[in-house]
Amino acid sequence: MEEFLVGVLDGTFSIAVAGYLLIRMERRLDELTSAIVSLQTAITGMSRGDGL
């Protein structure tokens, strides 16, 4: 019974850490996507001669 409890707690901790990291990574990916779109807009403007 004790081994089962230790196994469940280890699994729960791993799931909690993985979930936390996925949430943080999602936020950073959203920021990166926004930066790429902004860069694309700036490059398109420069190629048309609009400048920044």
PDB file of N, CA and C in Angstrom:
ATOM      1  N   MET A   1       0.822  -1.191   0.000  1.00  0.00           N
ATOM      2  CA  MET A   1       0.000   0.000   0.000  1.00  0.00           C
ATOM      3  C   MET A   1       0.867   1.256   0.000  1.00  0.00           C
ATOM      4  N   GLU A   2       1.946   1.218   0.754  1.00  0.00           N
ATOM      5  CA  GLU A   2       2.835   2.374   0.829  1.00  0.00           C
ATOM      6  C   GLU A   2       3.515   2.627  -0.515  1.00  0.00           C
ATOM      7  N   GLU A   3       3.896   1.567  -1.204  1.00  0.00           N
ATOM      8  CA  GLU A   3       4.525   1.718  -2.525  1.00  0.00           C
ATOM      9  C   GLU A   3       3.539   2.330  -3.517  1.00  0.00           C
ATOM     10  N   PHE A   4       2.281   1.920  -3.418  1.00  0.00           N
ATOM     11  CA  PHE A   4       1.250   2.469  -4.297  1.00  0.00           C
ATOM     12  C   PHE A   4       1.092   3.973  -4.059  1.00  0.00           C
ATOM     13  N   LEU A   5       1.058   4.380  -2.802  1.00  0.00           N
ATOM     14  CA  LEU A   5       0.903   5.789  -2.452  1.00  0.00           C
ATOM     15  C   LEU A   5       2.088   6.604  -2.963  1.00  0.00           C
ATOM     16  N   VAL A   6       3.282   6.091  -2.792  1.00  0.00           N
ATOM     17  CA  VAL A   6       4.480   6.787  -3.276  1.00  0.00           C
ATOM     18  C   VAL A   6       4.433   6.909  -4.803  1.00  0.00           C
ATOM     19  N   GLY A   7       4.019   5.870  -5.482  1.00  0.00           N
ATOM     20  CA  GLY A   7       3.899   5.903  -6.938  1.00  0.00           C
ATOM     21  C   GLY A   7       2.888   6.926  -7.416  1.00  0.00           C
ATOM     22  N   VAL A   8       1.753   6.991  -6.742  1.00  0.00           N
ATOM     23  CA  VAL A   8       0.711   7.964  -7.106  1.00  0.00           C
ATOM     24  C   VAL A   8       1.216   9.379  -6.870  1.00  0.00           C
ATOM     25  N   LEU A   9       1.875   9.619  -5.755  1.00  0.00           N
ATOM     26  CA  LEU A   9       2.386  10.956  -5.469  1.00  0.00           C
ATOM     27  C   LEU A   9       3.461  11.366  -6.470  1.00  0.00           C
ATOM     28  N   ASP A  10       4.337  10.446  -6.848  1.00  0.00           N
ATOM     29  CA  ASP A  10       5.364  10.759  -7.850  1.00  0.00           C
ATOM     30  C   ASP A  10       4.722  11.088  -9.191  1.00  0.00           C
ATOM     31  N   GLY A  11       3.726  10.329  -9.564  1.00  0.00           N
ATOM     32  CA  GLY A  11       3.032  10.578 -10.824  1.00  0.00           C
ATOM     33  C   GLY A  11       2.303  11.909 -10.815  1.00  0.00           C
ATOM     34  N   THR A  12       1.660  12.225  -9.720  1.00  0.00           N
ATOM     35  CA  THR A  12       0.928  13.482  -9.594  1.00  0.00           C
ATOM     36  C   THR A  12       1.871  14.665  -9.672  1.00  0.00           C
ATOM     37  N   PHE A  13       3.012  14.567  -9.024  1.00  0.00           N
ATOM     38  CA  PHE A  13       3.994  15.650  -9.066  1.00  0.00           C
ATOM     39  C   PHE A  13       4.492  15.851 -10.487  1.00  0.00           C
ATOM     40  N   SER A  14       4.768  14.773 -11.190  1.00  0.00           N
ATOM     41  CA  SER A  14       5.246  14.880 -12.569  1.00  0.00           C
ATOM     42  C   SER A  14       4.203  15.532 -13.472  1.00  0.00           C
ATOM     43  N   ILE A  15       2.959  15.159 -13.289  1.00  0.00           N
ATOM     44  CA  ILE A  15       1.878  15.737 -14.084  1.00  0.00           C
ATOM     45  C   ILE A  15       1.735  17.223 -13.770  1.00  0.00           C
ATOM     46  N   ALA A  16       1.827  17.582 -12.513  1.00  0.00           N
ATOM     47  CA  ALA A  16       1.706  18.988 -12.119  1.00  0.00           C
ATOM     48  C   ALA A  16       2.842  19.822 -12.722  1.00  0.00           C
ATOM     49  N   VAL A  17       4.058  19.322 -12.684  1.00  0.00           N
ATOM     50  CA  VAL A  17       5.198  20.047 -13.248  1.00  0.00           C
ATOM     51  C   VAL A  17       5.051  20.174 -14.762  1.00  0.00           C
ATOM     52  N   ALA A  18       4.637  19.110 -15.426  1.00  0.00           N
ATOM     53  CA  ALA A  18       4.448  19.152 -16.878  1.00  0.00           C
ATOM     54  C   ALA A  18       3.362  20.156 -17.249  1.00  0.00           C
ATOM     55  N   GLY A  19       2.266  20.172 -16.516  1.00  0.00           N
ATOM     56  CA  GLY A  19       1.194  21.134 -16.778  1.00  0.00           C
ATOM     57  C   GLY A  19       1.657  22.563 -16.596  1.00  0.00           C
ATOM     58  N   TYR A  20       2.392  22.821 -15.533  1.00  0.00           N
ATOM     59  CA  TYR A  20       2.919  24.164 -15.272  1.00  0.00           C
ATOM     60  C   TYR A  20       3.836  24.618 -16.404  1.00  0.00           C
ATOM     61  N   LEU A  21       4.726  23.746 -16.834  1.00  0.00           N
ATOM     62  CA  LEU A  21       5.645  24.105 -17.912  1.00  0.00           C
ATOM     63  C   LEU A  21       4.921  24.333 -19.234  1.00  0.00           C
ATOM     64  N   LEU A  22       3.898  23.553 -19.511  1.00  0.00           N
ATOM     65  CA  LEU A  22       3.120  23.745 -20.745  1.00  0.00           C
ATOM     66  C   LEU A  22       2.400  25.088 -20.745  1.00  0.00           C
ATOM     67  N   ILE A  23       1.866  25.481 -19.607  1.00  0.00           N
ATOM     68  CA  ILE A  23       1.185  26.777 -19.516  1.00  0.00           C
ATOM     69  C   ILE A  23       2.179  27.913 -19.730  1.00  0.00           C
ATOM     70  N   ARG A  24       3.344  27.822 -19.119  1.00  0.00           N
ATOM     71  CA  ARG A  24       4.367  28.865 -19.309  1.00  0.00           C
ATOM     72  C   ARG A  24       4.828  28.913 -20.751  1.00  0.00           C
ATOM     73  N   MET A  25       5.026  27.744 -21.367  1.00  0.00           N
ATOM     74  CA  MET A  25       5.507  27.701 -22.746  1.00  0.00           C
ATOM     75  C   MET A  25       4.452  28.271 -23.686  1.00  0.00           C
ATOM     76  N   GLU A  26       3.178  28.030 -23.414  1.00  0.00           N
ATOM     77  CA  GLU A  26       2.110  28.563 -24.272  1.00  0.00           C
ATOM     78  C   GLU A  26       2.144  30.091 -24.270  1.00  0.00           C
ATOM     79  N   ARG A  27       2.335  30.691 -23.122  1.00  0.00           N
ATOM     80  CA  ARG A  27       2.396  32.147 -23.025  1.00  0.00           C
ATOM     81  C   ARG A  27       3.583  32.687 -23.816  1.00  0.00           C
ATOM     82  N   ARG A  28       4.706  32.028 -23.705  1.00  0.00           N
ATOM     83  CA  ARG A  28       5.895  32.481 -24.440  1.00  0.00           C
ATOM     84  C   ARG A  28       5.733  32.292 -25.944  1.00  0.00           C
ATOM     85  N   LEU A  29       5.062  31.230 -26.353  1.00  0.00           N
ATOM     86  CA  LEU A  29       4.816  31.019 -27.777  1.00  0.00           C
ATOM     87  C   LEU A  29       3.878  32.092 -28.328  1.00  0.00           C
ATOM     88  N   ASP A  30       2.904  32.514 -27.537  1.00  0.00           N
ATOM     89  CA  ASP A  30       2.022  33.601 -27.959  1.00  0.00           C
ATOM     90  C   ASP A  30       2.811  34.893 -28.142  1.00  0.00           C
ATOM     91  N   GLU A  31       3.725  35.189 -27.216  1.00  0.00           N
ATOM     92  CA  GLU A  31       4.561  36.379 -27.334  1.00  0.00           C
ATOM     93  C   GLU A  31       5.473  36.292 -28.551  1.00  0.00           C
ATOM     94  N   LEU A  32       6.023  35.126 -28.807  1.00  0.00           N
ATOM     95  CA  LEU A  32       6.896  34.927 -29.961  1.00  0.00           C
ATOM     96  C   LEU A  32       6.113  35.085 -31.261  1.00  0.00           C
ATOM     97  N   THR A  33       4.917  34.560 -31.315  1.00  0.00           N
ATOM     98  CA  THR A  33       4.069  34.714 -32.499  1.00  0.00           C
ATOM     99  C   THR A  33       3.774  36.178 -32.762  1.00  0.00           C
ATOM    100  N   SER A  34       3.472  36.918 -31.728  1.00  0.00           N
ATOM    101  CA  SER A  34       3.208  38.348 -31.866  1.00  0.00           C
ATOM    102  C   SER A  34       4.438  39.086 -32.388  1.00  0.00           C
ATOM    103  N   ALA A  35       5.612  38.735 -31.886  1.00  0.00           N
ATOM    104  CA  ALA A  35       6.843  39.380 -32.341  1.00  0.00           C
ATOM    105  C   ALA A  35       7.128  39.051 -33.805  1.00  0.00           C
ATOM    106  N   ILE A  36       6.859  37.840 -34.221  1.00  0.00           N
ATOM    107  CA  ILE A  36       7.091  37.446 -35.613  1.00  0.00           C
ATOM    108  C   ILE A  36       6.143  38.198 -36.538  1.00  0.00           C
ATOM    109  N   VAL A  37       4.887  38.345 -36.140  1.00  0.00           N
ATOM    110  CA  VAL A  37       3.926  39.094 -36.957  1.00  0.00           C
ATOM    111  C   VAL A  37       4.355  40.553 -37.073  1.00  0.00           C
ATOM    112  N   SER A  38       4.816  41.127 -35.978  1.00  0.00           N
ATOM    113  CA  SER A  38       5.294  42.508 -35.995  1.00  0.00           C
ATOM    114  C   SER A  38       6.503  42.661 -36.910  1.00  0.00           C
ATOM    115  N   LEU A  39       7.414  41.718 -36.845  1.00  0.00           N
ATOM    116  CA  LEU A  39       8.594  41.743 -37.706  1.00  0.00           C
ATOM    117  C   LEU A  39       8.198  41.603 -39.168  1.00  0.00           C
ATOM    118  N   GLN A  40       7.257  40.735 -39.449  1.00  0.00           N
ATOM    119  CA  GLN A  40       6.778  40.545 -40.821  1.00  0.00           C
ATOM    120  C   GLN A  40       6.169  41.843 -41.354  1.00  0.00           C
ATOM    121  N   THR A  41       5.403  42.523 -40.522  1.00  0.00           N
ATOM    122  CA  THR A  41       4.792  43.791 -40.925  1.00  0.00           C
ATOM    123  C   THR A  41       5.873  44.830 -41.218  1.00  0.00           C
ATOM    124  N   ALA A  42       6.893  44.889 -40.374  1.00  0.00           N
ATOM    125  CA  ALA A  42       7.975  45.849 -40.575  1.00  0.00           C
ATOM    126  C   ALA A  42       8.748  45.546 -41.857  1.00  0.00           C
ATOM    127  N   ILE A  43       9.013  44.290 -42.118  1.00  0.00           N
ATOM    128  CA  ILE A  43       9.760  43.914 -43.314  1.00  0.00           C
ATOM    129  C   ILE A  43       8.931  44.210 -44.565  1.00  0.00           C
ATOM    130  N   THR A  44       7.647  43.926 -44.519  1.00  0.00           N
ATOM    131  CA  THR A  44       6.774  44.209 -45.661  1.00  0.00           C
ATOM    132  C   THR A  44       6.724  45.705 -45.921  1.00  0.00           C
ATOM    133  N   GLY A  45       6.650  46.498 -44.881  1.00  0.00           N
ATOM    134  CA  GLY A  45       6.643  47.960 -45.032  1.00  0.00           C
ATOM    135  C   GLY A  45       7.933  48.471 -45.625  1.00  0.00           C
ATOM    136  N   MET A  46       9.052  47.883 -45.242  1.00  0.00           N
ATOM    137  CA  MET A  46      10.352  48.312 -45.768  1.00  0.00           C
ATOM    138  C   MET A  46      10.496  47.940 -47.242  1.00  0.00           C
ATOM    139  N   SER A  47       9.949  46.787 -47.614  1.00  0.00           N
ATOM    140  CA  SER A  47      10.080  46.360 -49.005  1.00  0.00           C
ATOM    141  C   SER A  47       9.208  47.207 -49.935  1.00  0.00           C
ATOM    142  N   ARG A  48       8.151  47.817 -49.396  1.00  0.00           N
ATOM    143  CA  ARG A  48       7.308  48.710 -50.189  1.00  0.00           C
ATOM    144  C   ARG A  48       7.833  50.136 -50.180  1.00  0.00           C
ATOM    145  N   GLY A  49       8.847  50.385 -49.353  1.00  0.00           N
ATOM    146  CA  GLY A  49       9.425  51.724 -49.275  1.00  0.00           C
ATOM    147  C   GLY A  49       8.736  52.614 -48.254  1.00  0.00           C
ATOM    148  N   ASP A  50       7.870  52.043 -47.430  1.00  0.00           N
ATOM    149  CA  ASP A  50       7.165  52.830 -46.435  1.00  0.00           C
ATOM    150  C   ASP A  50       8.054  53.212 -45.250  1.00  0.00           C
ATOM    151  N   GLY A  51       9.044  52.376 -44.982  1.00  0.00           N
ATOM    152  CA  GLY A  51       9.879  52.590 -43.813  1.00  0.00           C
ATOM    153  C   GLY A  51       9.159  52.167 -42.564  1.00  0.00           C
ATOM    154  N   LEU A  52       9.683  52.546 -41.401  1.00  0.00           N
ATOM    155  CA  LEU A  52       9.035  52.175 -40.136  1.00  0.00           C
ATOM    156  C   LEU A  52       8.221  53.288 -39.655  1.00  0.00           C
TER     157      LEU A  52
END
